[in-house]
PDB file of N, CA and C in Angstrom:
ATOM      1  N   MET A   1      32.083-193.803  -1.547  1.00  0.00           N
ATOM      2  CA  MET A   1      33.038-193.359  -1.150  1.00  0.00           C
ATOM      3  C   MET A   1      33.728-192.615  -2.439  1.00  0.00           C
ATOM      4  N   ARG A   2      33.638-191.229  -2.546  1.00  0.00           N
ATOM      5  CA  ARG A   2      34.142-190.830  -3.361  1.00  0.00           C
ATOM      6  C   ARG A   2      36.170-190.583  -3.539  1.00  0.00           C
ATOM      7  N   HIS A   3      36.446-190.800  -4.517  1.00  0.00           N
ATOM      8  CA  HIS A   3      37.877-191.233  -5.030  1.00  0.00           C
ATOM      9  C   HIS A   3      38.289-189.011  -5.211  1.00  0.00           C
ATOM     10  N   LYS A   4      39.549-188.823  -4.294  1.00  0.00           N
ATOM     11  CA  LYS A   4      40.170-187.578  -4.739  1.00  0.00           C
ATOM     12  C   LYS A   4      40.236-187.561  -6.501  1.00  0.00           C
ATOM     13  N   LYS A   5      40.086-186.827  -7.087  1.00  0.00           N
ATOM     14  CA  LYS A   5      40.758-186.627  -8.629  1.00  0.00           C
ATOM     15  C   LYS A   5      41.923-185.680  -8.520  1.00  0.00           C
ATOM     16  N   ALA A   6      42.995-186.679  -9.415  1.00  0.00           N
ATOM     17  CA  ALA A   6      44.388-185.804  -9.225  1.00  0.00           C
ATOM     18  C   ALA A   6      44.229-184.453  -9.747  1.00  0.00           C
ATOM     19  N   ILE A   7      44.919-183.625  -9.400  1.00  0.00           N
ATOM     20  CA  ILE A   7      45.020-182.389  -9.970  1.00  0.00           C
ATOM     21  C   ILE A   7      45.680-181.855 -10.853  1.00  0.00           C
ATOM     22  N   PRO A   8      45.312-181.891 -12.041  1.00  0.00           N
ATOM     23  CA  PRO A   8      46.247-181.832 -13.567  1.00  0.00           C
ATOM     24  C   PRO A   8      47.630-180.606 -13.552  1.00  0.00           C
ATOM     25  N   ASN A   9      48.287-181.162 -14.041  1.00  0.00           N
ATOM     26  CA  ASN A   9      49.668-180.740 -13.721  1.00  0.00           C
ATOM     27  C   ASN A   9      50.291-180.360 -12.370  1.00  0.00           C
ATOM     28  N   ARG A  10      50.159-180.973 -11.412  1.00  0.00           N
ATOM     29  CA  ARG A  10      50.256-181.111  -9.557  1.00  0.00           C
ATOM     30  C   ARG A  10      51.846-180.657  -9.689  1.00  0.00           C
ATOM     31  N   GLY A  11      52.419-181.874  -9.884  1.00  0.00           N
ATOM     32  CA  GLY A  11      53.578-182.457 -10.473  1.00  0.00           C
ATOM     33  C   GLY A  11      54.816-181.374 -10.905  1.00  0.00           C
ATOM     34  N   LEU A  12      53.928-180.314 -12.077  1.00  0.00           N
ATOM     35  CA  LEU A  12      54.386-179.372 -12.670  1.00  0.00           C
ATOM     36  C   LEU A  12      55.044-178.078 -12.008  1.00  0.00           C
ATOM     37  N   ARG A  13      53.104-178.123 -11.279  1.00  0.00           N
ATOM     38  CA  ARG A  13      53.452-176.407  -9.904  1.00  0.00           C
ATOM     39  C   ARG A  13      54.039-177.018  -8.910  1.00  0.00           C
ATOM     40  N   ILE A  14      54.332-177.579  -8.700  1.00  0.00           N
ATOM     41  CA  ILE A  14      55.152-177.974  -7.621  1.00  0.00           C
ATOM     42  C   ILE A  14      56.378-177.993  -7.567  1.00  0.00           C
ATOM     43  N   ALA A  15      56.996-178.649  -8.985  1.00  0.00           N
ATOM     44  CA  ALA A  15      58.263-178.330  -8.919  1.00  0.00           C
ATOM     45  C   ALA A  15      58.748-176.979  -9.725  1.00  0.00           C
ATOM     46  N   ASP A  16      57.698-176.257 -10.115  1.00  0.00           N
ATOM     47  CA  ASP A  16      57.883-175.086 -10.471  1.00  0.00           C
ATOM     48  C   ASP A  16      58.024-174.037  -9.326  1.00  0.00           C
ATOM     49  N   GLN A  17      57.384-174.284  -7.984  1.00  0.00           N
ATOM     50  CA  GLN A  17      57.420-173.492  -6.517  1.00  0.00           C
ATOM     51  C   GLN A  17      58.748-174.356  -6.143  1.00  0.00           C
ATOM     52  N   ILE A  18      58.780-175.328  -6.133  1.00  0.00           N
ATOM     53  CA  ILE A  18      60.773-176.089  -5.812  1.00  0.00           C
ATOM     54  C   ILE A  18      61.323-174.999  -6.695  1.00  0.00           C
ATOM     55  N   GLN A  19      61.846-175.163  -7.415  1.00  0.00           N
ATOM     56  CA  GLN A  19      62.666-174.041  -8.373  1.00  0.00           C
ATOM     57  C   GLN A  19      62.768-172.717  -7.363  1.00  0.00           C
ATOM     58  N   ARG A  20      61.563-172.156  -7.591  1.00  0.00           N
ATOM     59  CA  ARG A  20      61.748-170.154  -6.607  1.00  0.00           C
ATOM     60  C   ARG A  20      62.132-170.690  -5.828  1.00  0.00           C
ATOM     61  N   ASP A  21      61.636-171.639  -4.582  1.00  0.00           N
ATOM     62  CA  ASP A  21      61.804-171.487  -3.515  1.00  0.00           C
ATOM     63  C   ASP A  21      63.254-171.725  -3.327  1.00  0.00           C
ATOM     64  N   VAL A  22      63.766-172.633  -3.731  1.00  0.00           N
ATOM     65  CA  VAL A  22      65.433-173.613  -4.096  1.00  0.00           C
ATOM     66  C   VAL A  22      66.337-172.116  -4.029  1.00  0.00           C
ATOM     67  N   ALA A  23      65.739-170.860  -5.163  1.00  0.00           N
ATOM     68  CA  ALA A  23      66.565-170.374  -5.428  1.00  0.00           C
ATOM     69  C   ALA A  23      66.612-169.024  -4.382  1.00  0.00           C
ATOM     70  N   GLU A  24      65.402-168.741  -3.214  1.00  0.00           N
ATOM     71  CA  GLU A  24      65.785-167.293  -2.681  1.00  0.00           C
ATOM     72  C   GLU A  24      66.591-168.139  -1.667  1.00  0.00           C
ATOM     73  N   LEU A  25      65.961-169.708  -1.096  1.00  0.00           N
ATOM     74  CA  LEU A  25      67.034-170.086   0.539  1.00  0.00           C
ATOM     75  C   LEU A  25      68.182-170.279   0.408  1.00  0.00           C
ATOM     76  N   ILE A  26      69.071-170.886  -0.985  1.00  0.00           N
ATOM     77  CA  ILE A  26      70.413-170.845  -2.112  1.00  0.00           C
ATOM     78  C   ILE A  26      71.064-169.208  -1.516  1.00  0.00           C
ATOM     79  N   ARG A  27      70.055-168.537  -1.946  1.00  0.00           N
ATOM     80  CA  ARG A  27      70.928-167.207  -1.299  1.00  0.00           C
ATOM     81  C   ARG A  27      71.509-166.716   0.375  1.00  0.00           C
ATOM     82  N   ASP A  28      70.259-167.799   1.369  1.00  0.00           N
ATOM     83  CA  ASP A  28      70.863-167.326   2.464  1.00  0.00           C
ATOM     84  C   ASP A  28      72.203-168.041   3.222  1.00  0.00           C
ATOM     85  N   LEU A  29      72.497-169.102   2.254  1.00  0.00           N
ATOM     86  CA  LEU A  29      73.565-170.019   2.280  1.00  0.00           C
ATOM     87  C   LEU A  29      75.000-169.228   2.699  1.00  0.00           C
ATOM     88  N   LYS A  30      75.901-169.667   3.996  1.00  0.00           N
ATOM     89  CA  LYS A  30      77.175-168.828   3.751  1.00  0.00           C
ATOM     90  C   LYS A  30      78.093-169.638   3.066  1.00  0.00           C
ATOM     91  N   ASP A  31      77.721-170.739   2.730  1.00  0.00           N
ATOM     92  CA  ASP A  31      79.285-171.590   2.876  1.00  0.00           C
ATOM     93  C   ASP A  31      79.758-170.526   1.251  1.00  0.00           C
ATOM     94  N   PRO A  32      81.433-170.210   1.312  1.00  0.00           N
ATOM     95  CA  PRO A  32      81.924-169.629  -0.046  1.00  0.00           C
ATOM     96  C   PRO A  32      82.518-170.882  -1.419  1.00  0.00           C
ATOM     97  N   ARG A  33      81.564-171.901  -1.141  1.00  0.00           N
ATOM     98  CA  ARG A  33      81.765-172.844  -2.828  1.00  0.00           C
ATOM     99  C   ARG A  33      80.457-172.803  -3.078  1.00  0.00           C
ATOM    100  N   VAL A  34      79.457-172.125  -2.842  1.00  0.00           N
ATOM    101  CA  VAL A  34      78.352-171.632  -3.446  1.00  0.00           C
ATOM    102  C   VAL A  34      78.504-170.387  -3.810  1.00  0.00           C
ATOM    103  N   GLY A  35      78.947-170.469  -5.481  1.00  0.00           N
ATOM    104  CA  GLY A  35      78.939-168.898  -6.387  1.00  0.00           C
ATOM    105  C   GLY A  35      77.506-168.532  -6.699  1.00  0.00           C
ATOM    106  N   LEU A  36      78.058-167.766  -7.579  1.00  0.00           N
ATOM    107  CA  LEU A  36      76.498-167.092  -8.233  1.00  0.00           C
ATOM    108  C   LEU A  36      75.614-168.523  -8.937  1.00  0.00           C
ATOM    109  N   VAL A  37      75.324-168.897  -8.279  1.00  0.00           N
ATOM    110  CA  VAL A  37      73.700-170.369  -9.182  1.00  0.00           C
ATOM    111  C   VAL A  37      72.924-169.878  -9.184  1.00  0.00           C
ATOM    112  N   THR A  38      72.343-170.197 -10.729  1.00  0.00           N
ATOM    113  CA  THR A  38      70.746-170.248 -11.197  1.00  0.00           C
ATOM    114  C   THR A  38      70.588-171.564 -11.045  1.00  0.00           C
ATOM    115  N   ILE A  39      69.088-171.640 -10.528  1.00  0.00           N
ATOM    116  CA  ILE A  39      68.309-173.081 -11.342  1.00  0.00           C
ATOM    117  C   ILE A  39      67.808-173.059 -11.846  1.00  0.00           C
ATOM    118  N   THR A  40      68.264-173.799 -12.987  1.00  0.00           N
ATOM    119  CA  THR A  40      67.807-174.432 -14.274  1.00  0.00           C
ATOM    120  C   THR A  40      67.014-174.730 -14.200  1.00  0.00           C
ATOM    121  N   GLY A  41      65.983-175.755 -13.701  1.00  0.00           N
ATOM    122  CA  GLY A  41      65.101-177.063 -13.518  1.00  0.00           C
ATOM    123  C   GLY A  41      64.953-177.927 -12.084  1.00  0.00           C
ATOM    124  N   VAL A  42      63.603-177.873 -12.239  1.00  0.00           N
ATOM    125  CA  VAL A  42      63.630-179.070 -10.972  1.00  0.00           C
ATOM    126  C   VAL A  42      62.671-180.568 -11.369  1.00  0.00           C
ATOM    127  N   ASP A  43      63.150-181.047 -11.338  1.00  0.00           N
ATOM    128  CA  ASP A  43      62.232-182.944 -11.563  1.00  0.00           C
ATOM    129  C   ASP A  43      62.020-183.301 -10.564  1.00  0.00           C
ATOM    130  N   VAL A  44      60.665-183.993 -10.263  1.00  0.00           N
ATOM    131  CA  VAL A  44      59.571-184.468  -9.321  1.00  0.00           C
ATOM    132  C   VAL A  44      59.667-185.647  -9.301  1.00  0.00           C
ATOM    133  N   THR A  45      60.057-186.574  -8.098  1.00  0.00           N
ATOM    134  CA  THR A  45      59.412-188.038  -8.769  1.00  0.00           C
ATOM    135  C   THR A  45      57.579-188.126  -8.506  1.00  0.00           C
ATOM    136  N   PRO A  46      57.029-189.331  -9.196  1.00  0.00           N
ATOM    137  CA  PRO A  46      55.823-188.991  -9.012  1.00  0.00           C
ATOM    138  C   PRO A  46      55.554-189.132  -7.128  1.00  0.00           C
ATOM    139  N   ASP A  47      55.917-189.482  -6.724  1.00  0.00           N
ATOM    140  CA  ASP A  47      55.467-190.252  -5.404  1.00  0.00           C
ATOM    141  C   ASP A  47      55.677-188.511  -4.833  1.00  0.00           C
ATOM    142  N   TYR A  48      56.795-187.392  -4.696  1.00  0.00           N
ATOM    143  CA  TYR A  48      57.076-186.606  -4.222  1.00  0.00           C
ATOM    144  C   TYR A  48      57.923-186.706  -3.002  1.00  0.00           C
ATOM    145  N   ALA A  49      58.605-187.773  -3.063  1.00  0.00           N
ATOM    146  CA  ALA A  49      59.716-188.156  -2.547  1.00  0.00           C
ATOM    147  C   ALA A  49      60.942-187.921  -2.651  1.00  0.00           C
ATOM    148  N   HIS A  50      61.173-187.096  -4.056  1.00  0.00           N
ATOM    149  CA  HIS A  50      63.269-187.265  -4.733  1.00  0.00           C
ATOM    150  C   HIS A  50      62.934-185.574  -5.573  1.00  0.00           C
ATOM    151  N   ALA A  51      63.403-184.621  -5.436  1.00  0.00           N
ATOM    152  CA  ALA A  51      64.111-183.833  -6.381  1.00  0.00           C
ATOM    153  C   ALA A  51      65.240-183.692  -6.555  1.00  0.00           C
ATOM    154  N   THR A  52      65.245-183.715  -8.060  1.00  0.00           N
ATOM    155  CA  THR A  52      66.361-183.566  -8.644  1.00  0.00           C
ATOM    156  C   THR A  52      66.379-182.086  -9.353  1.00  0.00           C
ATOM    157  N   VAL A  53      67.107-181.249  -8.595  1.00  0.00           N
ATOM    158  CA  VAL A  53      67.724-180.276  -8.538  1.00  0.00           C
ATOM    159  C   VAL A  53      68.431-179.634 -10.233  1.00  0.00           C
ATOM    160  N   ARG A  54      68.682-178.868 -11.056  1.00  0.00           N
ATOM    161  CA  ARG A  54      69.601-178.757 -11.899  1.00  0.00           C
ATOM    162  C   ARG A  54      70.236-177.348 -11.819  1.00  0.00           C
ATOM    163  N   PHE A  55      71.253-176.853 -11.602  1.00  0.00           N
ATOM    164  CA  PHE A  55      71.608-175.547 -11.056  1.00  0.00           C
ATOM    165  C   PHE A  55      72.400-175.148 -12.411  1.00  0.00           C
ATOM    166  N   SER A  56      72.713-174.118 -12.399  1.00  0.00           N
ATOM    167  CA  SER A  56      74.210-173.846 -13.527  1.00  0.00           C
ATOM    168  C   SER A  56      74.620-172.627 -12.605  1.00  0.00           C
ATOM    169  N   LEU A  57      76.633-172.365 -12.758  1.00  0.00           N
ATOM    170  CA  LEU A  57      77.065-171.647 -12.295  1.00  0.00           C
ATOM    171  C   LEU A  57      77.175-170.543 -13.142  1.00  0.00           C
ATOM    172  N   LEU A  58      77.453-169.194 -12.640  1.00  0.00           N
ATOM    173  CA  LEU A  58      78.005-168.189 -13.235  1.00  0.00           C
ATOM    174  C   LEU A  58      79.506-167.790 -12.702  1.00  0.00           C
ATOM    175  N   VAL A  59      79.700-167.975 -11.222  1.00  0.00           N
ATOM    176  CA  VAL A  59      80.967-167.814 -10.410  1.00  0.00           C
ATOM    177  C   VAL A  59      81.056-168.874  -9.709  1.00  0.00           C
ATOM    178  N   GLY A  60      82.103-169.892 -10.155  1.00  0.00           N
ATOM    179  CA  GLY A  60      82.534-170.813  -9.105  1.00  0.00           C
ATOM    180  C   GLY A  60      83.005-172.125  -9.580  1.00  0.00           C
ATOM    181  N   GLU A  61      83.180-173.126  -8.968  1.00  0.00           N
ATOM    182  CA  GLU A  61      83.592-174.477  -9.208  1.00  0.00           C
ATOM    183  C   GLU A  61      82.276-175.381  -9.492  1.00  0.00           C
ATOM    184  N   PRO A  62      81.780-175.522 -10.650  1.00  0.00           N
ATOM    185  CA  PRO A  62      81.099-176.692 -10.437  1.00  0.00           C
ATOM    186  C   PRO A  62      81.120-178.217  -9.163  1.00  0.00           C
ATOM    187  N   ALA A  63      82.025-178.843  -9.633  1.00  0.00           N
ATOM    188  CA  ALA A  63      81.814-180.018  -8.256  1.00  0.00           C
ATOM    189  C   ALA A  63      82.092-179.594  -7.179  1.00  0.00           C
ATOM    190  N   GLU A  64      82.592-178.767  -6.356  1.00  0.00           N
ATOM    191  CA  GLU A  64      83.053-178.151  -5.302  1.00  0.00           C
ATOM    192  C   GLU A  64      81.135-177.199  -4.617  1.00  0.00           C
ATOM    193  N   CYS A  65      80.702-176.778  -5.863  1.00  0.00           N
ATOM    194  CA  CYS A  65      79.377-175.972  -5.177  1.00  0.00           C
ATOM    195  C   CYS A  65      78.332-177.128  -5.551  1.00  0.00           C
ATOM    196  N   GLU A  66      78.473-178.395  -6.557  1.00  0.00           N
ATOM    197  CA  GLU A  66      77.216-178.875  -6.324  1.00  0.00           C
ATOM    198  C   GLU A  66      77.354-179.961  -5.052  1.00  0.00           C
ATOM    199  N   ALA A  67      78.898-180.484  -4.352  1.00  0.00           N
ATOM    200  CA  ALA A  67      79.008-180.634  -2.517  1.00  0.00           C
ATOM    201  C   ALA A  67      78.280-179.765  -1.924  1.00  0.00           C
ATOM    202  N   ALA A  68      78.749-178.546  -1.825  1.00  0.00           N
ATOM    203  CA  ALA A  68      78.636-178.080  -1.188  1.00  0.00           C
ATOM    204  C   ALA A  68      76.541-177.501  -0.605  1.00  0.00           C
ATOM    205  N   LEU A  69      75.968-177.576  -1.606  1.00  0.00           N
ATOM    206  CA  LEU A  69      74.790-177.574  -2.120  1.00  0.00           C
ATOM    207  C   LEU A  69      73.713-179.043  -1.780  1.00  0.00           C
ATOM    208  N   ASN A  70      74.834-180.295  -1.829  1.00  0.00           N
ATOM    209  CA  ASN A  70      73.813-181.284  -1.618  1.00  0.00           C
ATOM    210  C   ASN A  70      74.401-181.497  -0.397  1.00  0.00           C
ATOM    211  N   GLU A  71      75.638-181.281   1.039  1.00  0.00           N
ATOM    212  CA  GLU A  71      75.926-180.773   2.005  1.00  0.00           C
ATOM    213  C   GLU A  71      74.303-180.164   2.369  1.00  0.00           C
ATOM    214  N   ALA A  72      73.986-179.213   1.958  1.00  0.00           N
ATOM    215  CA  ALA A  72      72.885-178.120   2.541  1.00  0.00           C
ATOM    216  C   ALA A  72      71.523-178.441   2.536  1.00  0.00           C
ATOM    217  N   ALA A  73      71.445-179.861   1.200  1.00  0.00           N
ATOM    218  CA  ALA A  73      70.205-180.063   1.290  1.00  0.00           C
ATOM    219  C   ALA A  73      69.208-180.307   2.341  1.00  0.00           C
ATOM    220  N   GLY A  74      69.452-181.037   2.935  1.00  0.00           N
ATOM    221  CA  GLY A  74      68.957-180.982   4.585  1.00  0.00           C
ATOM    222  C   GLY A  74      67.853-179.262   4.983  1.00  0.00           C
ATOM    223  N   PHE A  75      69.167-178.422   5.395  1.00  0.00           N
ATOM    224  CA  PHE A  75      68.172-176.985   5.896  1.00  0.00           C
ATOM    225  C   PHE A  75      67.512-176.831   4.868  1.00  0.00           C
ATOM    226  N   ILE A  76      67.754-176.455   3.435  1.00  0.00           N
ATOM    227  CA  ILE A  76      67.222-176.192   2.237  1.00  0.00           C
ATOM    228  C   ILE A  76      65.777-176.699   1.965  1.00  0.00           C
ATOM    229  N   ARG A  77      66.177-177.623   2.227  1.00  0.00           N
ATOM    230  CA  ARG A  77      64.555-178.932   2.577  1.00  0.00           C
ATOM    231  C   ARG A  77      63.146-178.347   3.779  1.00  0.00           C
ATOM    232  N   ASN A  78      64.646-177.956   4.940  1.00  0.00           N
ATOM    233  CA  ASN A  78      63.764-177.423   6.017  1.00  0.00           C
ATOM    234  C   ASN A  78      63.459-176.064   5.472  1.00  0.00           C
ATOM    235  N   GLY A  79      63.447-175.614   4.892  1.00  0.00           N
ATOM    236  CA  GLY A  79      63.010-174.305   4.475  1.00  0.00           C
ATOM    237  C   GLY A  79      61.765-174.158   3.415  1.00  0.00           C
ATOM    238  N   LEU A  80      61.718-175.514   2.766  1.00  0.00           N
ATOM    239  CA  LEU A  80      60.702-175.511   1.884  1.00  0.00           C
ATOM    240  C   LEU A  80      59.753-175.986   2.855  1.00  0.00           C
ATOM    241  N   PHE A  81      59.620-176.828   3.895  1.00  0.00           N
ATOM    242  CA  PHE A  81      58.561-177.483   5.134  1.00  0.00           C
ATOM    243  C   PHE A  81      57.435-176.324   5.473  1.00  0.00           C
ATOM    244  N   LYS A  82      58.669-175.058   5.692  1.00  0.00           N
ATOM    245  CA  LYS A  82      57.572-173.564   6.180  1.00  0.00           C
ATOM    246  C   LYS A  82      57.401-172.935   4.559  1.00  0.00           C
ATOM    247  N   ARG A  83      57.182-173.011   3.667  1.00  0.00           N
ATOM    248  CA  ARG A  83      56.753-173.037   2.286  1.00  0.00           C
ATOM    249  C   ARG A  83      55.645-173.137   1.352  1.00  0.00           C
ATOM    250  N   LEU A  84      56.393-174.455   1.198  1.00  0.00           N
ATOM    251  CA  LEU A  84      55.155-175.293   0.635  1.00  0.00           C
ATOM    252  C   LEU A  84      54.280-175.989   1.112  1.00  0.00           C
ATOM    253  N   GLN A  85      53.002-175.936   0.862  1.00  0.00           N
ATOM    254  CA  GLN A  85      51.885-176.162   0.898  1.00  0.00           C
ATOM    255  C   GLN A  85      51.424-178.098   0.806  1.00  0.00           C
ATOM    256  N   ILE A  86      52.431-178.727   0.992  1.00  0.00           N
ATOM    257  CA  ILE A  86      52.236-180.060   0.629  1.00  0.00           C
ATOM    258  C   ILE A  86      52.371-181.074   1.994  1.00  0.00           C
ATOM    259  N   HIS A  87      52.089-182.221   1.439  1.00  0.00           N
ATOM    260  CA  HIS A  87      52.322-183.542   2.302  1.00  0.00           C
ATOM    261  C   HIS A  87      53.711-183.677   2.532  1.00  0.00           C
ATOM    262  N   THR A  88      54.292-184.155   1.667  1.00  0.00           N
ATOM    263  CA  THR A  88      55.533-184.238   1.545  1.00  0.00           C
ATOM    264  C   THR A  88      56.675-183.471   1.045  1.00  0.00           C
ATOM    265  N   VAL A  89      57.551-183.581   1.605  1.00  0.00           N
ATOM    266  CA  VAL A  89      58.305-182.218   0.586  1.00  0.00           C
ATOM    267  C   VAL A  89      59.764-183.249   0.363  1.00  0.00           C
ATOM    268  N   PRO A  90      60.008-183.321  -0.701  1.00  0.00           N
ATOM    269  CA  PRO A  90      60.791-184.493  -1.380  1.00  0.00           C
ATOM    270  C   PRO A  90      62.696-183.763  -1.323  1.00  0.00           C
ATOM    271  N   THR A  91      62.947-185.176  -0.905  1.00  0.00           N
ATOM    272  CA  THR A  91      64.026-185.011  -0.376  1.00  0.00           C
ATOM    273  C   THR A  91      65.084-184.527  -1.815  1.00  0.00           C
ATOM    274  N   LEU A  92      66.393-183.494  -1.792  1.00  0.00           N
ATOM    275  CA  LEU A  92      67.465-182.435  -2.446  1.00  0.00           C
ATOM    276  C   LEU A  92      68.097-183.500  -3.148  1.00  0.00           C
ATOM    277  N   HIS A  93      68.331-183.153  -4.222  1.00  0.00           N
ATOM    278  CA  HIS A  93      69.418-183.952  -4.980  1.00  0.00           C
ATOM    279  C   HIS A  93      69.805-183.026  -6.029  1.00  0.00           C
ATOM    280  N   PHE A  94      71.346-182.224  -5.718  1.00  0.00           N
ATOM    281  CA  PHE A  94      71.787-181.499  -6.799  1.00  0.00           C
ATOM    282  C   PHE A  94      71.965-181.452  -7.324  1.00  0.00           C
ATOM    283  N   GLN A  95      72.353-181.066  -8.626  1.00  0.00           N
ATOM    284  CA  GLN A  95      73.034-181.815 -10.105  1.00  0.00           C
ATOM    285  C   GLN A  95      73.425-180.819 -10.757  1.00  0.00           C
ATOM    286  N   PHE A  96      74.785-180.613 -11.556  1.00  0.00           N
ATOM    287  CA  PHE A  96      75.087-179.664 -12.007  1.00  0.00           C
ATOM    288  C   PHE A  96      74.890-179.812 -13.409  1.00  0.00           C
ATOM    289  N   ASP A  97      73.913-178.450 -13.904  1.00  0.00           N
ATOM    290  CA  ASP A  97      73.431-178.340 -15.725  1.00  0.00           C
ATOM    291  C   ASP A  97      74.686-177.874 -16.424  1.00  0.00           C
ATOM    292  N   ARG A  98      75.026-178.876 -17.200  1.00  0.00           N
ATOM    293  CA  ARG A  98      76.421-179.099 -17.839  1.00  0.00           C
ATOM    294  C   ARG A  98      75.295-178.009 -19.157  1.00  0.00           C
ATOM    295  N   THR A  99      73.800-178.011 -19.423  1.00  0.00           N
ATOM    296  CA  THR A  99      73.610-177.337 -20.620  1.00  0.00           C
ATOM    297  C   THR A  99      74.139-176.257 -21.055  1.00  0.00           C
ATOM    298  N   THR A 100      74.073-175.516 -20.176  1.00  0.00           N
ATOM    299  CA  THR A 100      74.820-173.397 -20.365  1.00  0.00           C
ATOM    300  C   THR A 100      75.874-173.520 -21.240  1.00  0.00           C
ATOM    301  N   GLU A 101      76.644-174.384 -20.625  1.00  0.00           N
ATOM    302  CA  GLU A 101      78.295-174.739 -20.942  1.00  0.00           C
ATOM    303  C   GLU A 101      78.294-175.346 -21.912  1.00  0.00           C
ATOM    304  N   ARG A 102      77.869-176.307 -22.362  1.00  0.00           N
ATOM    305  CA  ARG A 102      77.695-177.233 -23.532  1.00  0.00           C
ATOM    306  C   ARG A 102      77.114-175.970 -24.357  1.00  0.00           C
ATOM    307  N   ALA A 103      76.260-175.547 -24.973  1.00  0.00           N
ATOM    308  CA  ALA A 103      75.750-174.101 -25.564  1.00  0.00           C
ATOM    309  C   ALA A 103      76.763-173.034 -25.817  1.00  0.00           C
ATOM    310  N   ALA A 104      78.257-173.058 -24.913  1.00  0.00           N
ATOM    311  CA  ALA A 104      78.660-172.049 -25.088  1.00  0.00           C
ATOM    312  C   ALA A 104      79.939-172.482 -25.848  1.00  0.00           C
ATOM    313  N   GLU A 105      80.141-173.438 -25.743  1.00  0.00           N
ATOM    314  CA  GLU A 105      81.535-174.300 -26.556  1.00  0.00           C
ATOM    315  C   GLU A 105      80.908-174.561 -27.995  1.00  0.00           C
ATOM    316  N   LEU A 106      79.784-174.975 -27.871  1.00  0.00           N
ATOM    317  CA  LEU A 106      79.227-175.218 -29.393  1.00  0.00           C
ATOM    318  C   LEU A 106      79.362-173.507 -29.795  1.00  0.00           C
ATOM    319  N   ASN A 107      78.335-173.086 -29.578  1.00  0.00           N
ATOM    320  CA  ASN A 107      78.627-171.443 -30.569  1.00  0.00           C
ATOM    321  C   ASN A 107      80.072-171.007 -30.687  1.00  0.00           C
ATOM    322  N   ALA A 108      81.204-171.435 -29.522  1.00  0.00           N
ATOM    323  CA  ALA A 108      82.746-171.337 -29.842  1.00  0.00           C
ATOM    324  C   ALA A 108      82.894-171.819 -30.855  1.00  0.00           C
ATOM    325  N   LEU A 109      83.011-173.418 -31.443  1.00  0.00           N
ATOM    326  CA  LEU A 109      83.198-173.516 -32.679  1.00  0.00           C
ATOM    327  C   LEU A 109      82.311-173.550 -33.650  1.00  0.00           C
ATOM    328  N   ILE A 110      81.078-173.151 -33.712  1.00  0.00           N
ATOM    329  CA  ILE A 110      80.109-172.436 -34.414  1.00  0.00           C
ATOM    330  C   ILE A 110      81.259-170.824 -35.120  1.00  0.00           C
ATOM    331  N   ARG A 111      81.596-170.265 -34.224  1.00  0.00           N
ATOM    332  CA  ARG A 111      82.037-169.100 -34.525  1.00  0.00           C
ATOM    333  C   ARG A 111      83.616-169.242 -35.549  1.00  0.00           C
ATOM    334  N   GLN A 112      84.239-170.257 -34.791  1.00  0.00           N
ATOM    335  CA  GLN A 112      85.371-170.914 -35.557  1.00  0.00           C
ATOM    336  C   GLN A 112      85.595-171.381 -36.608  1.00  0.00           C
ATOM    337  N   ALA A 113      84.575-172.418 -37.276  1.00  0.00           N
ATOM    338  CA  ALA A 113      84.432-172.430 -38.441  1.00  0.00           C
ATOM    339  C   ALA A 113      83.542-171.488 -39.181  1.00  0.00           C
ATOM    340  N   ASN A 114      82.679-170.482 -39.081  1.00  0.00           N
ATOM    341  CA  ASN A 114      82.876-170.175 -39.361  1.00  0.00           C
ATOM    342  C   ASN A 114      83.632-168.605 -40.195  1.00  0.00           C
ATOM    343  N   ALA A 115      84.728-168.552 -39.037  1.00  0.00           N
ATOM    344  CA  ALA A 115      86.078-167.335 -39.424  1.00  0.00           C
ATOM    345  C   ALA A 115      86.813-168.373 -40.572  1.00  0.00           C
ATOM    346  N   THR A 116      86.635-169.751 -40.313  1.00  0.00           N
ATOM    347  CA  THR A 116      87.730-170.643 -40.882  1.00  0.00           C
ATOM    348  C   THR A 116      87.436-170.946 -42.242  1.00  0.00           C
ATOM    349  N   GLN A 117      85.500-170.541 -42.550  1.00  0.00           N
ATOM    350  CA  GLN A 117      85.270-170.655 -43.602  1.00  0.00           C
ATOM    351  C   GLN A 117      85.233-169.275 -44.359  1.00  0.00           C
ATOM    352  N   ALA A 118      85.052-168.278 -43.417  1.00  0.00           N
ATOM    353  CA  ALA A 118      85.664-166.835 -43.984  1.00  0.00           C
ATOM    354  C   ALA A 118      86.699-167.040 -44.802  1.00  0.00           C
ATOM    355  N   LYS A 119      87.805-167.641 -44.285  1.00  0.00           N
ATOM    356  CA  LYS A 119      89.484-167.113 -45.215  1.00  0.00           C
ATOM    357  C   LYS A 119      89.188-167.928 -46.285  1.00  0.00           C
ATOM    358  N   ASP A 120      88.407-168.656 -46.235  1.00  0.00           N
ATOM    359  CA  ASP A 120      88.640-169.873 -48.003  1.00  0.00           C
ATOM    360  C   ASP A 120      87.787-168.940 -48.848  1.00  0.00           C
TER     361      ASP A 120
END
């Protein structure tokens, strides 16, 4: 009996495909709480049962947007079924990614510190 060989980086490729497809599917949402969303990353569990989809927001309220995306997760997952050629399409969990927000805050603090230093 021959064993199926694991495909290297398959999880990464699937996460990458989910990221692209989810970004397209979100554009079809009519919910006003979903602002200008950018999918920043996707983490898929080893069994492909769950995927955490991280997003940043250019315009909109993060908590409301996160709630709206999680409410629409079933709809988005159905869209993935039609696009992905995998046996199990993961359950999606949307999570606001504060990385860009923190980067902006740090940049502001650095500018402030540099301005203060320049005065001295």
